[in-house]
Amino acid sequence: MSGVQLYVSSVSSSREVRSQQSEVERVLEIKQINYKLIDVSVSEEILEEMRNRTGNPTALPPQIFNDDCYCGDYWQFYDAVENEEIDHFLKLKEKEKFDCKVSTVCNENYTAEG
């Protein structure tokens, strides 16, 4: 995988999760940051992939990655936006400084739409 990836759920019954997902997408679009949307509701395998990549077996969307580097969850994203450190949070300018290799299984069915 390459670039920023945003794990979301298109069928979440939680108003809070839906609101958080929308906020992350809105900020990324305003800042013109390209990202890949990955819908965990497509399959249990994608949900487990997200949880394995975060290192948290109970993690819920939204979760944010850049390539194989885990950036964080909504609250870490929120703090980065508030502190005007979104580029640092997303590891956009300093990716080469991080040793973020994580083995992942790529699944081509990223979203329910495609």
PDB file of N, CA and C in Angstrom:
ATOM      1  N   MET A   1       0.840  -1.173   0.000  1.00  0.00           N
ATOM      2  CA  MET A   1       0.000   0.000   0.000  1.00  0.00           C
ATOM      3  C   MET A   1       0.887   1.239   0.000  1.00  0.00           C
ATOM      4  N   SER A   2       0.399   2.274  -0.600  1.00  0.00           N
ATOM      5  CA  SER A   2       1.199   3.491  -0.585  1.00  0.00           C
ATOM      6  C   SER A   2       0.321   4.687  -0.285  1.00  0.00           C
ATOM      7  N   GLY A   3       0.928   5.663   0.350  1.00  0.00           N
ATOM      8  CA  GLY A   3       0.215   6.875   0.680  1.00  0.00           C
ATOM      9  C   GLY A   3      -0.647   6.730   1.919  1.00  0.00           C
ATOM     10  N   VAL A   4      -1.436   7.764   2.167  1.00  0.00           N
ATOM     11  CA  VAL A   4      -2.304   7.805   3.337  1.00  0.00           C
ATOM     12  C   VAL A   4      -3.494   6.876   3.116  1.00  0.00           C
ATOM     13  N   GLN A   5      -3.778   6.058   4.124  1.00  0.00           N
ATOM     14  CA  GLN A   5      -4.922   5.145   4.091  1.00  0.00           C
ATOM     15  C   GLN A   5      -5.793   5.439   5.297  1.00  0.00           C
ATOM     16  N   LEU A   6      -7.087   5.533   5.047  1.00  0.00           N
ATOM     17  CA  LEU A   6      -8.054   5.808   6.100  1.00  0.00           C
ATOM     18  C   LEU A   6      -9.019   4.635   6.191  1.00  0.00           C
ATOM     19  N   TYR A   7      -8.965   3.920   7.314  1.00  0.00           N
ATOM     20  CA  TYR A   7      -9.890   2.817   7.557  1.00  0.00           C
ATOM     21  C   TYR A   7     -11.164   3.380   8.162  1.00  0.00           C
ATOM     22  N   VAL A   8     -12.301   3.062   7.543  1.00  0.00           N
ATOM     23  CA  VAL A   8     -13.615   3.518   7.989  1.00  0.00           C
ATOM     24  C   VAL A   8     -14.592   2.346   7.950  1.00  0.00           C
ATOM     25  N   SER A   9     -15.788   2.587   8.456  1.00  0.00           N
ATOM     26  CA  SER A   9     -16.868   1.610   8.329  1.00  0.00           C
ATOM     27  C   SER A   9     -18.081   2.321   7.759  1.00  0.00           C
ATOM     28  N   SER A  10     -18.575   1.838   6.629  1.00  0.00           N
ATOM     29  CA  SER A  10     -19.731   2.460   5.997  1.00  0.00           C
ATOM     30  C   SER A  10     -21.043   2.040   6.655  1.00  0.00           C
ATOM     31  N   VAL A  11     -20.995   1.091   7.565  1.00  0.00           N
ATOM     32  CA  VAL A  11     -22.222   0.620   8.204  1.00  0.00           C
ATOM     33  C   VAL A  11     -22.199   0.767   9.725  1.00  0.00           C
ATOM     34  N   SER A  12     -21.407   1.669  10.233  1.00  0.00           N
ATOM     35  CA  SER A  12     -21.338   1.860  11.677  1.00  0.00           C
ATOM     36  C   SER A  12     -22.656   2.416  12.203  1.00  0.00           C
ATOM     37  N   SER A  13     -23.133   1.845  13.300  1.00  0.00           N
ATOM     38  CA  SER A  13     -24.351   2.347  13.917  1.00  0.00           C
ATOM     39  C   SER A  13     -24.053   3.439  14.933  1.00  0.00           C
ATOM     40  N   SER A  14     -22.771   3.672  15.188  1.00  0.00           N
ATOM     41  CA  SER A  14     -22.366   4.684  16.152  1.00  0.00           C
ATOM     42  C   SER A  14     -22.311   6.060  15.499  1.00  0.00           C
ATOM     43  N   ARG A  15     -23.081   6.971  16.035  1.00  0.00           N
ATOM     44  CA  ARG A  15     -23.074   8.346  15.531  1.00  0.00           C
ATOM     45  C   ARG A  15     -21.691   8.981  15.721  1.00  0.00           C
ATOM     46  N   GLU A  16     -21.045   8.654  16.836  1.00  0.00           N
ATOM     47  CA  GLU A  16     -19.721   9.201  17.115  1.00  0.00           C
ATOM     48  C   GLU A  16     -18.697   8.740  16.071  1.00  0.00           C
ATOM     49  N   VAL A  17     -18.692   7.454  15.748  1.00  0.00           N
ATOM     50  CA  VAL A  17     -17.763   6.921  14.746  1.00  0.00           C
ATOM     51  C   VAL A  17     -18.024   7.565  13.387  1.00  0.00           C
ATOM     52  N   ARG A  18     -19.281   7.655  12.985  1.00  0.00           N
ATOM     53  CA  ARG A  18     -19.616   8.275  11.694  1.00  0.00           C
ATOM     54  C   ARG A  18     -19.153   9.727  11.656  1.00  0.00           C
ATOM     55  N   SER A  19     -19.359  10.445  12.743  1.00  0.00           N
ATOM     56  CA  SER A  19     -18.947  11.848  12.819  1.00  0.00           C
ATOM     57  C   SER A  19     -17.428  11.976  12.736  1.00  0.00           C
ATOM     58  N   GLN A  20     -16.709  11.110  13.449  1.00  0.00           N
ATOM     59  CA  GLN A  20     -15.247  11.138  13.422  1.00  0.00           C
ATOM     60  C   GLN A  20     -14.715  10.838  12.029  1.00  0.00           C
ATOM     61  N   GLN A  21     -15.280   9.828  11.382  1.00  0.00           N
ATOM     62  CA  GLN A  21     -14.857   9.475  10.025  1.00  0.00           C
ATOM     63  C   GLN A  21     -15.067  10.645   9.078  1.00  0.00           C
ATOM     64  N   SER A  22     -16.222  11.273   9.160  1.00  0.00           N
ATOM     65  CA  SER A  22     -16.527  12.415   8.296  1.00  0.00           C
ATOM     66  C   SER A  22     -15.569  13.567   8.543  1.00  0.00           C
ATOM     67  N   GLU A  23     -15.239  13.797   9.793  1.00  0.00           N
ATOM     68  CA  GLU A  23     -14.313  14.886  10.132  1.00  0.00           C
ATOM     69  C   GLU A  23     -12.927  14.622   9.557  1.00  0.00           C
ATOM     70  N   VAL A  24     -12.434  13.408   9.671  1.00  0.00           N
ATOM     71  CA  VAL A  24     -11.116  13.083   9.112  1.00  0.00           C
ATOM     72  C   VAL A  24     -11.137  13.282   7.601  1.00  0.00           C
ATOM     73  N   GLU A  25     -12.158  12.769   6.936  1.00  0.00           N
ATOM     74  CA  GLU A  25     -12.254  12.925   5.481  1.00  0.00           C
ATOM     75  C   GLU A  25     -12.324  14.405   5.092  1.00  0.00           C
ATOM     76  N   ARG A  26     -13.112  15.177   5.830  1.00  0.00           N
ATOM     77  CA  ARG A  26     -13.264  16.604   5.536  1.00  0.00           C
ATOM     78  C   ARG A  26     -11.924  17.330   5.642  1.00  0.00           C
ATOM     79  N   VAL A  27     -11.177  17.067   6.704  1.00  0.00           N
ATOM     80  CA  VAL A  27      -9.881  17.725   6.894  1.00  0.00           C
ATOM     81  C   VAL A  27      -8.906  17.324   5.798  1.00  0.00           C
ATOM     82  N   LEU A  28      -8.856  16.031   5.472  1.00  0.00           N
ATOM     83  CA  LEU A  28      -7.948  15.575   4.413  1.00  0.00           C
ATOM     84  C   LEU A  28      -8.289  16.233   3.078  1.00  0.00           C
ATOM     85  N   GLU A  29      -9.571  16.373   2.785  1.00  0.00           N
ATOM     86  CA  GLU A  29      -9.976  17.002   1.530  1.00  0.00           C
ATOM     87  C   GLU A  29      -9.671  18.493   1.525  1.00  0.00           C
ATOM     88  N   ILE A  30      -9.918  19.177   2.632  1.00  0.00           N
ATOM     89  CA  ILE A  30      -9.613  20.610   2.724  1.00  0.00           C
ATOM     90  C   ILE A  30      -8.122  20.846   2.541  1.00  0.00           C
ATOM     91  N   LYS A  31      -7.311  19.987   3.142  1.00  0.00           N
ATOM     92  CA  LYS A  31      -5.853  20.129   3.044  1.00  0.00           C
ATOM     93  C   LYS A  31      -5.308  19.543   1.747  1.00  0.00           C
ATOM     94  N   GLN A  32      -6.195  19.022   0.897  1.00  0.00           N
ATOM     95  CA  GLN A  32      -5.837  18.430  -0.387  1.00  0.00           C
ATOM     96  C   GLN A  32      -4.801  17.321  -0.247  1.00  0.00           C
ATOM     97  N   ILE A  33      -5.044  16.459   0.737  1.00  0.00           N
ATOM     98  CA  ILE A  33      -4.183  15.311   0.974  1.00  0.00           C
ATOM     99  C   ILE A  33      -4.857  14.095   0.358  1.00  0.00           C
ATOM    100  N   ASN A  34      -4.192  13.477  -0.589  1.00  0.00           N
ATOM    101  CA  ASN A  34      -4.730  12.272  -1.223  1.00  0.00           C
ATOM    102  C   ASN A  34      -4.716  11.125  -0.224  1.00  0.00           C
ATOM    103  N   TYR A  35      -5.763  10.325  -0.265  1.00  0.00           N
ATOM    104  CA  TYR A  35      -5.841   9.184   0.640  1.00  0.00           C
ATOM    105  C   TYR A  35      -6.678   8.086   0.011  1.00  0.00           C
ATOM    106  N   LYS A  36      -6.466   6.885   0.513  1.00  0.00           N
ATOM    107  CA  LYS A  36      -7.239   5.725   0.075  1.00  0.00           C
ATOM    108  C   LYS A  36      -8.187   5.365   1.203  1.00  0.00           C
ATOM    109  N   LEU A  37      -9.461   5.259   0.879  1.00  0.00           N
ATOM    110  CA  LEU A  37     -10.493   4.890   1.840  1.00  0.00           C
ATOM    111  C   LEU A  37     -10.622   3.370   1.847  1.00  0.00           C
ATOM    112  N   ILE A  38     -10.518   2.766   3.017  1.00  0.00           N
ATOM    113  CA  ILE A  38     -10.619   1.319   3.158  1.00  0.00           C
ATOM    114  C   ILE A  38     -11.769   1.024   4.110  1.00  0.00           C
ATOM    115  N   ASP A  39     -12.789   0.372   3.604  1.00  0.00           N
ATOM    116  CA  ASP A  39     -14.015   0.109   4.351  1.00  0.00           C
ATOM    117  C   ASP A  39     -13.925  -1.246   5.045  1.00  0.00           C
ATOM    118  N   VAL A  40     -13.872  -1.228   6.387  1.00  0.00           N
ATOM    119  CA  VAL A  40     -13.739  -2.481   7.140  1.00  0.00           C
ATOM    120  C   VAL A  40     -15.021  -3.297   7.141  1.00  0.00           C
ATOM    121  N   SER A  41     -16.130  -2.692   6.724  1.00  0.00           N
ATOM    122  CA  SER A  41     -17.391  -3.444   6.702  1.00  0.00           C
ATOM    123  C   SER A  41     -17.496  -4.371   5.496  1.00  0.00           C
ATOM    124  N   VAL A  42     -16.554  -4.282   4.573  1.00  0.00           N
ATOM    125  CA  VAL A  42     -16.554  -5.149   3.397  1.00  0.00           C
ATOM    126  C   VAL A  42     -16.298  -6.598   3.790  1.00  0.00           C
ATOM    127  N   SER A  43     -15.368  -6.787   4.734  1.00  0.00           N
ATOM    128  CA  SER A  43     -15.084  -8.154   5.176  1.00  0.00           C
ATOM    129  C   SER A  43     -14.426  -8.145   6.543  1.00  0.00           C
ATOM    130  N   GLU A  44     -14.597  -9.239   7.234  1.00  0.00           N
ATOM    131  CA  GLU A  44     -13.966  -9.426   8.544  1.00  0.00           C
ATOM    132  C   GLU A  44     -12.442  -9.395   8.416  1.00  0.00           C
ATOM    133  N   GLU A  45     -11.920  -9.860   7.282  1.00  0.00           N
ATOM    134  CA  GLU A  45     -10.470  -9.875   7.061  1.00  0.00           C
ATOM    135  C   GLU A  45      -9.890  -8.463   7.060  1.00  0.00           C
ATOM    136  N   ILE A  46     -10.607  -7.520   6.461  1.00  0.00           N
ATOM    137  CA  ILE A  46     -10.112  -6.136   6.421  1.00  0.00           C
ATOM    138  C   ILE A  46     -10.152  -5.525   7.819  1.00  0.00           C
ATOM    139  N   LEU A  47     -11.206  -5.826   8.586  1.00  0.00           N
ATOM    140  CA  LEU A  47     -11.273  -5.349   9.968  1.00  0.00           C
ATOM    141  C   LEU A  47     -10.103  -5.905  10.776  1.00  0.00           C
ATOM    142  N   GLU A  48      -9.836  -7.184  10.630  1.00  0.00           N
ATOM    143  CA  GLU A  48      -8.715  -7.794  11.344  1.00  0.00           C
ATOM    144  C   GLU A  48      -7.374  -7.226  10.874  1.00  0.00           C
ATOM    145  N   GLU A  49      -7.255  -6.958   9.576  1.00  0.00           N
ATOM    146  CA  GLU A  49      -6.041  -6.330   9.054  1.00  0.00           C
ATOM    147  C   GLU A  49      -5.808  -4.990   9.735  1.00  0.00           C
ATOM    148  N   MET A  50      -6.858  -4.167   9.821  1.00  0.00           N
ATOM    149  CA  MET A  50      -6.737  -2.863  10.472  1.00  0.00           C
ATOM    150  C   MET A  50      -6.301  -3.032  11.923  1.00  0.00           C
ATOM    151  N   ARG A  51      -6.935  -3.943  12.622  1.00  0.00           N
ATOM    152  CA  ARG A  51      -6.604  -4.151  14.034  1.00  0.00           C
ATOM    153  C   ARG A  51      -5.191  -4.674  14.215  1.00  0.00           C
ATOM    154  N   ASN A  52      -4.756  -5.578  13.345  1.00  0.00           N
ATOM    155  CA  ASN A  52      -3.377  -6.071  13.411  1.00  0.00           C
ATOM    156  C   ASN A  52      -2.380  -4.953  13.151  1.00  0.00           C
ATOM    157  N   ARG A  53      -2.693  -4.101  12.186  1.00  0.00           N
ATOM    158  CA  ARG A  53      -1.790  -3.007  11.837  1.00  0.00           C
ATOM    159  C   ARG A  53      -1.693  -1.976  12.949  1.00  0.00           C
ATOM    160  N   THR A  54      -2.785  -1.780  13.722  1.00  0.00           N
ATOM    161  CA  THR A  54      -2.743  -0.827  14.829  1.00  0.00           C
ATOM    162  C   THR A  54      -2.097  -1.432  16.065  1.00  0.00           C
ATOM    163  N   GLY A  55      -2.094  -2.761  16.135  1.00  0.00           N
ATOM    164  CA  GLY A  55      -1.590  -3.424  17.330  1.00  0.00           C
ATOM    165  C   GLY A  55      -2.618  -3.445  18.451  1.00  0.00           C
ATOM    166  N   ASN A  56      -3.882  -3.150  18.111  1.00  0.00           N
ATOM    167  CA  ASN A  56      -4.954  -3.101  19.097  1.00  0.00           C
ATOM    168  C   ASN A  56      -6.093  -4.009  18.619  1.00  0.00           C
ATOM    169  N   PRO A  57      -6.334  -5.117  19.310  1.00  0.00           N
ATOM    170  CA  PRO A  57      -7.356  -6.066  18.855  1.00  0.00           C
ATOM    171  C   PRO A  57      -8.792  -5.548  18.953  1.00  0.00           C
ATOM    172  N   THR A  58      -9.002  -4.399  19.576  1.00  0.00           N
ATOM    173  CA  THR A  58     -10.351  -3.842  19.688  1.00  0.00           C
ATOM    174  C   THR A  58     -10.477  -2.484  19.000  1.00  0.00           C
ATOM    175  N   ALA A  59      -9.491  -2.104  18.194  1.00  0.00           N
ATOM    176  CA  ALA A  59      -9.508  -0.794  17.531  1.00  0.00           C
ATOM    177  C   ALA A  59     -10.736  -0.636  16.647  1.00  0.00           C
ATOM    178  N   LEU A  60     -11.288   0.564  16.662  1.00  0.00           N
ATOM    179  CA  LEU A  60     -12.428   0.907  15.823  1.00  0.00           C
ATOM    180  C   LEU A  60     -12.027   2.000  14.844  1.00  0.00           C
ATOM    181  N   PRO A  61     -12.700   2.073  13.705  1.00  0.00           N
ATOM    182  CA  PRO A  61     -12.429   3.155  12.767  1.00  0.00           C
ATOM    183  C   PRO A  61     -12.848   4.500  13.385  1.00  0.00           C
ATOM    184  N   PRO A  62     -12.288   5.581  12.924  1.00  0.00           N
ATOM    185  CA  PRO A  62     -11.284   5.661  11.871  1.00  0.00           C
ATOM    186  C   PRO A  62      -9.871   5.429  12.403  1.00  0.00           C
ATOM    187  N   GLN A  63      -9.051   4.785  11.594  1.00  0.00           N
ATOM    188  CA  GLN A  63      -7.634   4.554  11.864  1.00  0.00           C
ATOM    189  C   GLN A  63      -6.867   5.037  10.643  1.00  0.00           C
ATOM    190  N   ILE A  64      -5.709   5.650  10.871  1.00  0.00           N
ATOM    191  CA  ILE A  64      -4.987   6.314   9.785  1.00  0.00           C
ATOM    192  C   ILE A  64      -3.560   5.777   9.687  1.00  0.00           C
ATOM    193  N   PHE A  65      -3.141   5.505   8.454  1.00  0.00           N
ATOM    194  CA  PHE A  65      -1.807   5.007   8.159  1.00  0.00           C
ATOM    195  C   PHE A  65      -1.207   5.812   7.022  1.00  0.00           C
ATOM    196  N   ASN A  66       0.112   5.802   6.926  1.00  0.00           N
ATOM    197  CA  ASN A  66       0.809   6.284   5.742  1.00  0.00           C
ATOM    198  C   ASN A  66       1.779   5.181   5.362  1.00  0.00           C
ATOM    199  N   ASP A  67       1.538   4.582   4.211  1.00  0.00           N
ATOM    200  CA  ASP A  67       2.261   3.379   3.802  1.00  0.00           C
ATOM    201  C   ASP A  67       2.148   2.354   4.918  1.00  0.00           C
ATOM    202  N   ASP A  68       3.261   1.850   5.414  1.00  0.00           N
ATOM    203  CA  ASP A  68       3.242   0.865   6.485  1.00  0.00           C
ATOM    204  C   ASP A  68       3.367   1.487   7.865  1.00  0.00           C
ATOM    205  N   CYS A  69       3.337   2.815   7.937  1.00  0.00           N
ATOM    206  CA  CYS A  69       3.460   3.521   9.213  1.00  0.00           C
ATOM    207  C   CYS A  69       2.085   3.818   9.792  1.00  0.00           C
ATOM    208  N   TYR A  70       1.867   3.397  11.026  1.00  0.00           N
ATOM    209  CA  TYR A  70       0.628   3.717  11.716  1.00  0.00           C
ATOM    210  C   TYR A  70       0.712   5.139  12.235  1.00  0.00           C
ATOM    211  N   CYS A  71      -0.224   5.982  11.817  1.00  0.00           N
ATOM    212  CA  CYS A  71      -0.246   7.378  12.261  1.00  0.00           C
ATOM    213  C   CYS A  71      -1.032   7.521  13.549  1.00  0.00           C
ATOM    214  N   GLY A  72      -2.241   6.933  13.601  1.00  0.00           N
ATOM    215  CA  GLY A  72      -3.027   7.013  14.818  1.00  0.00           C
ATOM    216  C   GLY A  72      -4.513   6.923  14.558  1.00  0.00           C
ATOM    217  N   ASP A  73      -5.260   7.166  15.636  1.00  0.00           N
ATOM    218  CA  ASP A  73      -6.713   7.110  15.567  1.00  0.00           C
ATOM    219  C   ASP A  73      -7.280   8.524  15.460  1.00  0.00           C
ATOM    220  N   TYR A  74      -8.592   8.643  15.622  1.00  0.00           N
ATOM    221  CA  TYR A  74      -9.247   9.943  15.474  1.00  0.00           C
ATOM    222  C   TYR A  74      -8.706  10.964  16.462  1.00  0.00           C
ATOM    223  N   TRP A  75      -8.556  10.587  17.732  1.00  0.00           N
ATOM    224  CA  TRP A  75      -8.159  11.569  18.744  1.00  0.00           C
ATOM    225  C   TRP A  75      -6.737  12.052  18.529  1.00  0.00           C
ATOM    226  N   GLN A  76      -5.862  11.202  18.078  1.00  0.00           N
ATOM    227  CA  GLN A  76      -4.504  11.642  17.744  1.00  0.00           C
ATOM    228  C   GLN A  76      -4.539  12.559  16.528  1.00  0.00           C
ATOM    229  N   PHE A  77      -5.375  12.239  15.553  1.00  0.00           N
ATOM    230  CA  PHE A  77      -5.566  13.091  14.380  1.00  0.00           C
ATOM    231  C   PHE A  77      -6.107  14.448  14.813  1.00  0.00           C
ATOM    232  N   TYR A  78      -7.125  14.441  15.668  1.00  0.00           N
ATOM    233  CA  TYR A  78      -7.733  15.672  16.166  1.00  0.00           C
ATOM    234  C   TYR A  78      -6.686  16.561  16.837  1.00  0.00           C
ATOM    235  N   ASP A  79      -5.868  15.966  17.706  1.00  0.00           N
ATOM    236  CA  ASP A  79      -4.813  16.735  18.380  1.00  0.00           C
ATOM    237  C   ASP A  79      -3.841  17.334  17.372  1.00  0.00           C
ATOM    238  N   ALA A  80      -3.479  16.570  16.360  1.00  0.00           N
ATOM    239  CA  ALA A  80      -2.551  17.064  15.336  1.00  0.00           C
ATOM    240  C   ALA A  80      -3.151  18.237  14.570  1.00  0.00           C
ATOM    241  N   VAL A  81      -4.431  18.165  14.257  1.00  0.00           N
ATOM    242  CA  VAL A  81      -5.099  19.268  13.550  1.00  0.00           C
ATOM    243  C   VAL A  81      -5.117  20.501  14.435  1.00  0.00           C
ATOM    244  N   GLU A  82      -5.498  20.324  15.699  1.00  0.00           N
ATOM    245  CA  GLU A  82      -5.565  21.448  16.635  1.00  0.00           C
ATOM    246  C   GLU A  82      -4.203  22.110  16.836  1.00  0.00           C
ATOM    247  N   ASN A  83      -3.139  21.308  16.817  1.00  0.00           N
ATOM    248  CA  ASN A  83      -1.780  21.826  17.023  1.00  0.00           C
ATOM    249  C   ASN A  83      -1.083  22.188  15.716  1.00  0.00           C
ATOM    250  N   GLU A  84      -1.836  22.128  14.608  1.00  0.00           N
ATOM    251  CA  GLU A  84      -1.305  22.428  13.276  1.00  0.00           C
ATOM    252  C   GLU A  84      -0.072  21.589  12.953  1.00  0.00           C
ATOM    253  N   GLU A  85      -0.162  20.294  13.269  1.00  0.00           N
ATOM    254  CA  GLU A  85       0.932  19.350  13.024  1.00  0.00           C
ATOM    255  C   GLU A  85       0.476  18.186  12.154  1.00  0.00           C
ATOM    256  N   ILE A  86      -0.465  18.458  11.256  1.00  0.00           N
ATOM    257  CA  ILE A  86      -1.050  17.380  10.452  1.00  0.00           C
ATOM    258  C   ILE A  86      -0.015  16.715   9.548  1.00  0.00           C
ATOM    259  N   ASP A  87       0.898  17.496   8.961  1.00  0.00           N
ATOM    260  CA  ASP A  87       1.932  16.906   8.107  1.00  0.00           C
ATOM    261  C   ASP A  87       2.825  15.966   8.913  1.00  0.00           C
ATOM    262  N   HIS A  88       3.168  16.372  10.112  1.00  0.00           N
ATOM    263  CA  HIS A  88       3.996  15.522  10.979  1.00  0.00           C
ATOM    264  C   HIS A  88       3.218  14.264  11.376  1.00  0.00           C
ATOM    265  N   PHE A  89       1.956  14.428  11.781  1.00  0.00           N
ATOM    266  CA  PHE A  89       1.133  13.294  12.167  1.00  0.00           C
ATOM    267  C   PHE A  89       1.022  12.277  11.034  1.00  0.00           C
ATOM    268  N   LEU A  90       0.797  12.771   9.827  1.00  0.00           N
ATOM    269  CA  LEU A  90       0.634  11.887   8.668  1.00  0.00           C
ATOM    270  C   LEU A  90       1.960  11.433   8.066  1.00  0.00           C
ATOM    271  N   LYS A  91       3.063  11.901   8.657  1.00  0.00           N
ATOM    272  CA  LYS A  91       4.410  11.511   8.211  1.00  0.00           C
ATOM    273  C   LYS A  91       4.616  11.826   6.737  1.00  0.00           C
ATOM    274  N   LEU A  92       4.112  12.999   6.327  1.00  0.00           N
ATOM    275  CA  LEU A  92       4.177  13.365   4.914  1.00  0.00           C
ATOM    276  C   LEU A  92       5.554  13.845   4.493  1.00  0.00           C
ATOM    277  N   LYS A  93       6.234  14.566   5.349  1.00  0.00           N
ATOM    278  CA  LYS A  93       7.520  15.147   4.957  1.00  0.00           C
ATOM    279  C   LYS A  93       8.715  14.374   5.480  1.00  0.00           C
ATOM    280  N   GLU A  94       8.498  13.515   6.463  1.00  0.00           N
ATOM    281  CA  GLU A  94       9.650  12.847   7.059  1.00  0.00           C
ATOM    282  C   GLU A  94       9.550  11.335   7.045  1.00  0.00           C
ATOM    283  N   LYS A  95       8.801  10.777   6.089  1.00  0.00           N
ATOM    284  CA  LYS A  95       8.631   9.330   6.041  1.00  0.00           C
ATOM    285  C   LYS A  95       9.961   8.591   6.040  1.00  0.00           C
ATOM    286  N   GLU A  96      10.941   9.147   5.340  1.00  0.00           N
ATOM    287  CA  GLU A  96      12.208   8.442   5.250  1.00  0.00           C
ATOM    288  C   GLU A  96      12.941   8.389   6.583  1.00  0.00           C
ATOM    289  N   LYS A  97      12.551   9.192   7.578  1.00  0.00           N
ATOM    290  CA  LYS A  97      13.192   9.171   8.887  1.00  0.00           C
ATOM    291  C   LYS A  97      12.653   8.052   9.769  1.00  0.00           C
ATOM    292  N   PHE A  98      11.489   7.503   9.420  1.00  0.00           N
ATOM    293  CA  PHE A  98      10.851   6.502  10.258  1.00  0.00           C
ATOM    294  C   PHE A  98      11.149   5.103   9.750  1.00  0.00           C
ATOM    295  N   ASP A  99      11.358   4.199  10.670  1.00  0.00           N
ATOM    296  CA  ASP A  99      11.485   2.790  10.323  1.00  0.00           C
ATOM    297  C   ASP A  99      10.150   2.139  10.669  1.00  0.00           C
ATOM    298  N   CYS A 100       9.250   2.107   9.709  1.00  0.00           N
ATOM    299  CA  CYS A 100       7.854   1.733   9.974  1.00  0.00           C
ATOM    300  C   CYS A 100       7.440   0.489   9.215  1.00  0.00           C
ATOM    301  N   LYS A 101       8.288  -0.445   9.053  1.00  0.00           N
ATOM    302  CA  LYS A 101       7.925  -1.629   8.281  1.00  0.00           C
ATOM    303  C   LYS A 101       6.988  -2.522   9.073  1.00  0.00           C
ATOM    304  N   VAL A 102       5.841  -2.790   8.490  1.00  0.00           N
ATOM    305  CA  VAL A 102       4.838  -3.671   9.078  1.00  0.00           C
ATOM    306  C   VAL A 102       4.400  -4.610   7.971  1.00  0.00           C
ATOM    307  N   SER A 103       4.399  -5.888   8.250  1.00  0.00           N
ATOM    308  CA  SER A 103       3.942  -6.800   7.208  1.00  0.00           C
ATOM    309  C   SER A 103       2.423  -6.783   7.194  1.00  0.00           C
ATOM    310  N   THR A 104       1.870  -6.588   6.019  1.00  0.00           N
ATOM    311  CA  THR A 104       0.415  -6.545   5.882  1.00  0.00           C
ATOM    312  C   THR A 104       0.010  -7.382   4.686  1.00  0.00           C
ATOM    313  N   VAL A 105      -1.209  -7.822   4.715  1.00  0.00           N
ATOM    314  CA  VAL A 105      -1.785  -8.531   3.583  1.00  0.00           C
ATOM    315  C   VAL A 105      -2.696  -7.537   2.881  1.00  0.00           C
ATOM    316  N   CYS A 106      -2.416  -7.266   1.629  1.00  0.00           N
ATOM    317  CA  CYS A 106      -3.223  -6.307   0.880  1.00  0.00           C
ATOM    318  C   CYS A 106      -4.457  -7.003   0.329  1.00  0.00           C
ATOM    319  N   ASN A 107      -5.562  -6.326   0.402  1.00  0.00           N
ATOM    320  CA  ASN A 107      -6.820  -6.838  -0.125  1.00  0.00           C
ATOM    321  C   ASN A 107      -7.331  -5.820  -1.116  1.00  0.00           C
ATOM    322  N   GLU A 108      -7.630  -6.244  -2.305  1.00  0.00           N
ATOM    323  CA  GLU A 108      -8.038  -5.310  -3.355  1.00  0.00           C
ATOM    324  C   GLU A 108      -9.464  -4.781  -3.161  1.00  0.00           C
ATOM    325  N   ASN A 109     -10.263  -5.408  -2.301  1.00  0.00           N
ATOM    326  CA  ASN A 109     -11.635  -4.937  -2.065  1.00  0.00           C
ATOM    327  C   ASN A 109     -11.633  -3.932  -0.941  1.00  0.00           C
ATOM    328  N   TYR A 110     -11.288  -2.695  -1.241  1.00  0.00           N
ATOM    329  CA  TYR A 110     -11.117  -1.694  -0.208  1.00  0.00           C
ATOM    330  C   TYR A 110     -12.427  -1.087   0.267  1.00  0.00           C
ATOM    331  N   THR A 111     -13.371  -0.884  -0.618  1.00  0.00           N
ATOM    332  CA  THR A 111     -14.609  -0.248  -0.220  1.00  0.00           C
ATOM    333  C   THR A 111     -15.795  -1.010  -0.794  1.00  0.00           C
ATOM    334  N   ALA A 112     -16.947  -0.767  -0.227  1.00  0.00           N
ATOM    335  CA  ALA A 112     -18.150  -1.428  -0.703  1.00  0.00           C
ATOM    336  C   ALA A 112     -18.494  -1.008  -2.123  1.00  0.00           C
ATOM    337  N   GLU A 113     -18.082   0.205  -2.507  1.00  0.00           N
ATOM    338  CA  GLU A 113     -18.377   0.714  -3.845  1.00  0.00           C
ATOM    339  C   GLU A 113     -17.488   0.100  -4.904  1.00  0.00           C
ATOM    340  N   GLY A 114     -16.275  -0.301  -4.558  1.00  0.00           N
ATOM    341  CA  GLY A 114     -15.402  -0.744  -5.620  1.00  0.00           C
ATOM    342  C   GLY A 114     -14.518  -1.803  -5.202  1.00  0.00           C
TER     343      GLY A 114
END
